[in-house]
């Protein structure tokens, strides 16, 4: 599976962005997908994950109620709608895929990674 993330950019605090991650391959629906982020000088951290079917989603506490992960298996794409953005959300965002039926917060359980897209939030 090859992943291509897009949708990052510059936004003011309180604003919104929608990230997309397009995947190649015929077995997209057999992978759980996730978004991670990494800010300068910090470790990569889990943001959100979605199961094969999209019926189960998981979020980091820091983004619950503000971010929404979704997927469209017909388009081989996973999305993350980010609302009420804060300066602390600023990071490079990566999408990742795992053949596990459910998502995981552990980055080591993901086999495929996109190249990252930068989200900048101005205060």
C-alpha atoms as a PDB file:
ATOM      1  CA  UNK A   1       0.000   0.000   0.000  1.00  0.00           C
ATOM      2  CA  UNK A   2       1.302   3.427  -0.926  1.00  0.00           C
ATOM      3  CA  UNK A   3      -0.095   6.431   0.893  1.00  0.00           C
ATOM      4  CA  UNK A   4      -0.154  10.058  -0.234  1.00  0.00           C
ATOM      5  CA  UNK A   5      -1.184  12.671   2.325  1.00  0.00           C
ATOM      6  CA  UNK A   6      -2.400  16.141   1.398  1.00  0.00           C
ATOM      7  CA  UNK A   7      -4.437  19.038   2.699  1.00  0.00           C
ATOM      8  CA  UNK A   8      -2.051  20.666   5.106  1.00  0.00           C
ATOM      9  CA  UNK A   9      -1.498  24.392   5.145  1.00  0.00           C
ATOM     10  CA  UNK A  10      -1.548  27.570   7.176  1.00  0.00           C
ATOM     11  CA  UNK A  11      -4.642  28.363   9.218  1.00  0.00           C
ATOM     12  CA  UNK A  12      -5.458  30.738  12.036  1.00  0.00           C
ATOM     13  CA  UNK A  13      -6.269  29.412  15.471  1.00  0.00           C
ATOM     14  CA  UNK A  14      -9.920  28.406  15.576  1.00  0.00           C
ATOM     15  CA  UNK A  15      -9.942  27.567  11.900  1.00  0.00           C
ATOM     16  CA  UNK A  16     -10.417  24.264  10.089  1.00  0.00           C
ATOM     17  CA  UNK A  17      -8.564  22.025   7.665  1.00  0.00           C
ATOM     18  CA  UNK A  18      -9.346  18.681   6.074  1.00  0.00           C
ATOM     19  CA  UNK A  19      -6.510  16.265   5.497  1.00  0.00           C
ATOM     20  CA  UNK A  20      -6.752  13.523   2.908  1.00  0.00           C
ATOM     21  CA  UNK A  21      -4.708  10.398   2.424  1.00  0.00           C
ATOM     22  CA  UNK A  22      -5.067   8.550  -0.855  1.00  0.00           C
ATOM     23  CA  UNK A  23      -3.966   4.939  -1.021  1.00  0.00           C
ATOM     24  CA  UNK A  24      -2.974   2.761  -3.910  1.00  0.00           C
ATOM     25  CA  UNK A  25      -3.772  -0.921  -4.073  1.00  0.00           C
ATOM     26  CA  UNK A  26      -6.890  -3.017  -4.286  1.00  0.00           C
ATOM     27  CA  UNK A  27      -6.993  -4.057  -0.659  1.00  0.00           C
ATOM     28  CA  UNK A  28      -7.534  -0.649   0.922  1.00  0.00           C
ATOM     29  CA  UNK A  29     -10.627  -1.874   2.729  1.00  0.00           C
ATOM     30  CA  UNK A  30      -8.513  -4.532   4.473  1.00  0.00           C
ATOM     31  CA  UNK A  31      -6.455  -1.962   6.327  1.00  0.00           C
ATOM     32  CA  UNK A  32      -7.116   0.117   9.352  1.00  0.00           C
ATOM     33  CA  UNK A  33      -5.894   3.669   8.895  1.00  0.00           C
ATOM     34  CA  UNK A  34      -4.575   6.257  11.276  1.00  0.00           C
ATOM     35  CA  UNK A  35      -3.201   9.741  11.515  1.00  0.00           C
ATOM     36  CA  UNK A  36      -0.140  10.550  13.574  1.00  0.00           C
ATOM     37  CA  UNK A  37       1.616  13.861  13.996  1.00  0.00           C
ATOM     38  CA  UNK A  38       5.059  15.052  14.899  1.00  0.00           C
ATOM     39  CA  UNK A  39       5.914  18.528  16.082  1.00  0.00           C
ATOM     40  CA  UNK A  40       9.501  19.846  16.008  1.00  0.00           C
ATOM     41  CA  UNK A  41      11.556  18.337  18.804  1.00  0.00           C
ATOM     42  CA  UNK A  42       8.798  15.954  19.848  1.00  0.00           C
ATOM     43  CA  UNK A  43       8.046  12.291  19.314  1.00  0.00           C
ATOM     44  CA  UNK A  44       5.491  11.133  16.799  1.00  0.00           C
ATOM     45  CA  UNK A  45       2.111  10.899  18.508  1.00  0.00           C
ATOM     46  CA  UNK A  46      -1.169   9.190  17.739  1.00  0.00           C
ATOM     47  CA  UNK A  47      -4.044  11.402  16.641  1.00  0.00           C
ATOM     48  CA  UNK A  48      -6.874   9.202  15.325  1.00  0.00           C
ATOM     49  CA  UNK A  49      -7.579   5.795  13.809  1.00  0.00           C
ATOM     50  CA  UNK A  50     -10.388   4.083  11.952  1.00  0.00           C
ATOM     51  CA  UNK A  51     -11.123   0.383  11.475  1.00  0.00           C
ATOM     52  CA  UNK A  52     -11.464  -1.549   8.229  1.00  0.00           C
ATOM     53  CA  UNK A  53     -15.134  -0.839   7.818  1.00  0.00           C
ATOM     54  CA  UNK A  54     -15.108   2.575   9.378  1.00  0.00           C
ATOM     55  CA  UNK A  55     -17.424   1.427  12.147  1.00  0.00           C
ATOM     56  CA  UNK A  56     -14.870   2.062  14.893  1.00  0.00           C
ATOM     57  CA  UNK A  57     -12.870   5.207  15.458  1.00  0.00           C
ATOM     58  CA  UNK A  58     -10.346   6.175  18.102  1.00  0.00           C
ATOM     59  CA  UNK A  59      -9.003   9.559  19.083  1.00  0.00           C
ATOM     60  CA  UNK A  60      -6.306  11.017  21.242  1.00  0.00           C
ATOM     61  CA  UNK A  61      -7.772  12.913  24.161  1.00  0.00           C
ATOM     62  CA  UNK A  62      -6.208  16.119  22.901  1.00  0.00           C
ATOM     63  CA  UNK A  63      -8.315  16.089  19.715  1.00  0.00           C
ATOM     64  CA  UNK A  64     -11.584  14.499  20.825  1.00  0.00           C
ATOM     65  CA  UNK A  65     -14.542  16.610  19.845  1.00  0.00           C
ATOM     66  CA  UNK A  66     -12.478  18.668  17.397  1.00  0.00           C
ATOM     67  CA  UNK A  67     -11.136  16.140  14.861  1.00  0.00           C
ATOM     68  CA  UNK A  68     -13.100  13.556  12.907  1.00  0.00           C
ATOM     69  CA  UNK A  69     -11.561  10.669  10.988  1.00  0.00           C
ATOM     70  CA  UNK A  70     -13.479   9.015   8.176  1.00  0.00           C
ATOM     71  CA  UNK A  71     -12.832   6.842   5.159  1.00  0.00           C
ATOM     72  CA  UNK A  72     -14.261   6.218   1.736  1.00  0.00           C
ATOM     73  CA  UNK A  73     -13.284   2.722   0.639  1.00  0.00           C
ATOM     74  CA  UNK A  74     -14.650   3.320  -2.850  1.00  0.00           C
ATOM     75  CA  UNK A  75     -12.155   6.157  -3.267  1.00  0.00           C
ATOM     76  CA  UNK A  76      -9.316   4.495  -1.321  1.00  0.00           C
ATOM     77  CA  UNK A  77      -9.079   7.600   0.809  1.00  0.00           C
ATOM     78  CA  UNK A  78      -9.047   8.422   4.502  1.00  0.00           C
ATOM     79  CA  UNK A  79      -9.862  11.895   5.741  1.00  0.00           C
ATOM     80  CA  UNK A  80      -9.439  13.876   8.887  1.00  0.00           C
ATOM     81  CA  UNK A  81     -11.563  16.935   9.461  1.00  0.00           C
ATOM     82  CA  UNK A  82      -9.830  19.237  11.930  1.00  0.00           C
ATOM     83  CA  UNK A  83     -11.890  21.979  13.538  1.00  0.00           C
ATOM     84  CA  UNK A  84     -11.122  24.527  16.233  1.00  0.00           C
ATOM     85  CA  UNK A  85      -7.431  24.232  15.519  1.00  0.00           C
ATOM     86  CA  UNK A  86      -5.003  25.332  18.202  1.00  0.00           C
ATOM     87  CA  UNK A  87      -1.354  26.372  17.950  1.00  0.00           C
ATOM     88  CA  UNK A  88      -0.436  23.125  19.705  1.00  0.00           C
ATOM     89  CA  UNK A  89      -1.926  21.186  16.774  1.00  0.00           C
ATOM     90  CA  UNK A  90       0.855  22.472  14.543  1.00  0.00           C
ATOM     91  CA  UNK A  91       2.879  19.523  13.268  1.00  0.00           C
ATOM     92  CA  UNK A  92       3.611  17.323  10.310  1.00  0.00           C
ATOM     93  CA  UNK A  93       0.701  14.922   9.969  1.00  0.00           C
ATOM     94  CA  UNK A  94       1.264  11.394   8.677  1.00  0.00           C
ATOM     95  CA  UNK A  95      -1.240   8.804   7.582  1.00  0.00           C
ATOM     96  CA  UNK A  96      -0.494   5.154   8.228  1.00  0.00           C
ATOM     97  CA  UNK A  97      -2.001   1.779   7.437  1.00  0.00           C
ATOM     98  CA  UNK A  98      -2.064  -1.547   9.253  1.00  0.00           C
ATOM     99  CA  UNK A  99      -3.640  -4.861   8.244  1.00  0.00           C
ATOM    100  CA  UNK A 100      -5.099  -5.175  11.737  1.00  0.00           C
ATOM    101  CA  UNK A 101      -8.876  -5.048  11.800  1.00  0.00           C
ATOM    102  CA  UNK A 102      -8.833  -2.317  14.410  1.00  0.00           C
ATOM    103  CA  UNK A 103      -6.665   0.731  14.630  1.00  0.00           C
ATOM    104  CA  UNK A 104      -3.913   1.112  17.180  1.00  0.00           C
ATOM    105  CA  UNK A 105      -2.243   3.980  18.967  1.00  0.00           C
ATOM    106  CA  UNK A 106       1.124   2.286  18.631  1.00  0.00           C
ATOM    107  CA  UNK A 107       3.005   3.511  15.544  1.00  0.00           C
ATOM    108  CA  UNK A 108       5.025   0.285  15.493  1.00  0.00           C
ATOM    109  CA  UNK A 109       1.906  -1.619  14.487  1.00  0.00           C
ATOM    110  CA  UNK A 110       1.620   0.272  11.211  1.00  0.00           C
ATOM    111  CA  UNK A 111       3.373  -1.114   8.176  1.00  0.00           C
ATOM    112  CA  UNK A 112       2.842   1.690   5.679  1.00  0.00           C
ATOM    113  CA  UNK A 113       3.317   5.435   6.022  1.00  0.00           C
ATOM    114  CA  UNK A 114       2.617   8.453   3.883  1.00  0.00           C
ATOM    115  CA  UNK A 115       5.112  11.255   3.407  1.00  0.00           C
ATOM    116  CA  UNK A 116       3.480  13.743   5.762  1.00  0.00           C
ATOM    117  CA  UNK A 117       1.701  17.044   5.305  1.00  0.00           C
ATOM    118  CA  UNK A 118       2.491  20.172   7.316  1.00  0.00           C
ATOM    119  CA  UNK A 119      -0.195  21.911   9.348  1.00  0.00           C
ATOM    120  CA  UNK A 120       0.697  25.361  10.619  1.00  0.00           C
ATOM    121  CA  UNK A 121      -1.600  27.139  13.066  1.00  0.00           C
ATOM    122  CA  UNK A 122      -1.039  30.814  13.740  1.00  0.00           C
ATOM    123  CA  UNK A 123      -2.151  32.356  17.020  1.00  0.00           C
END
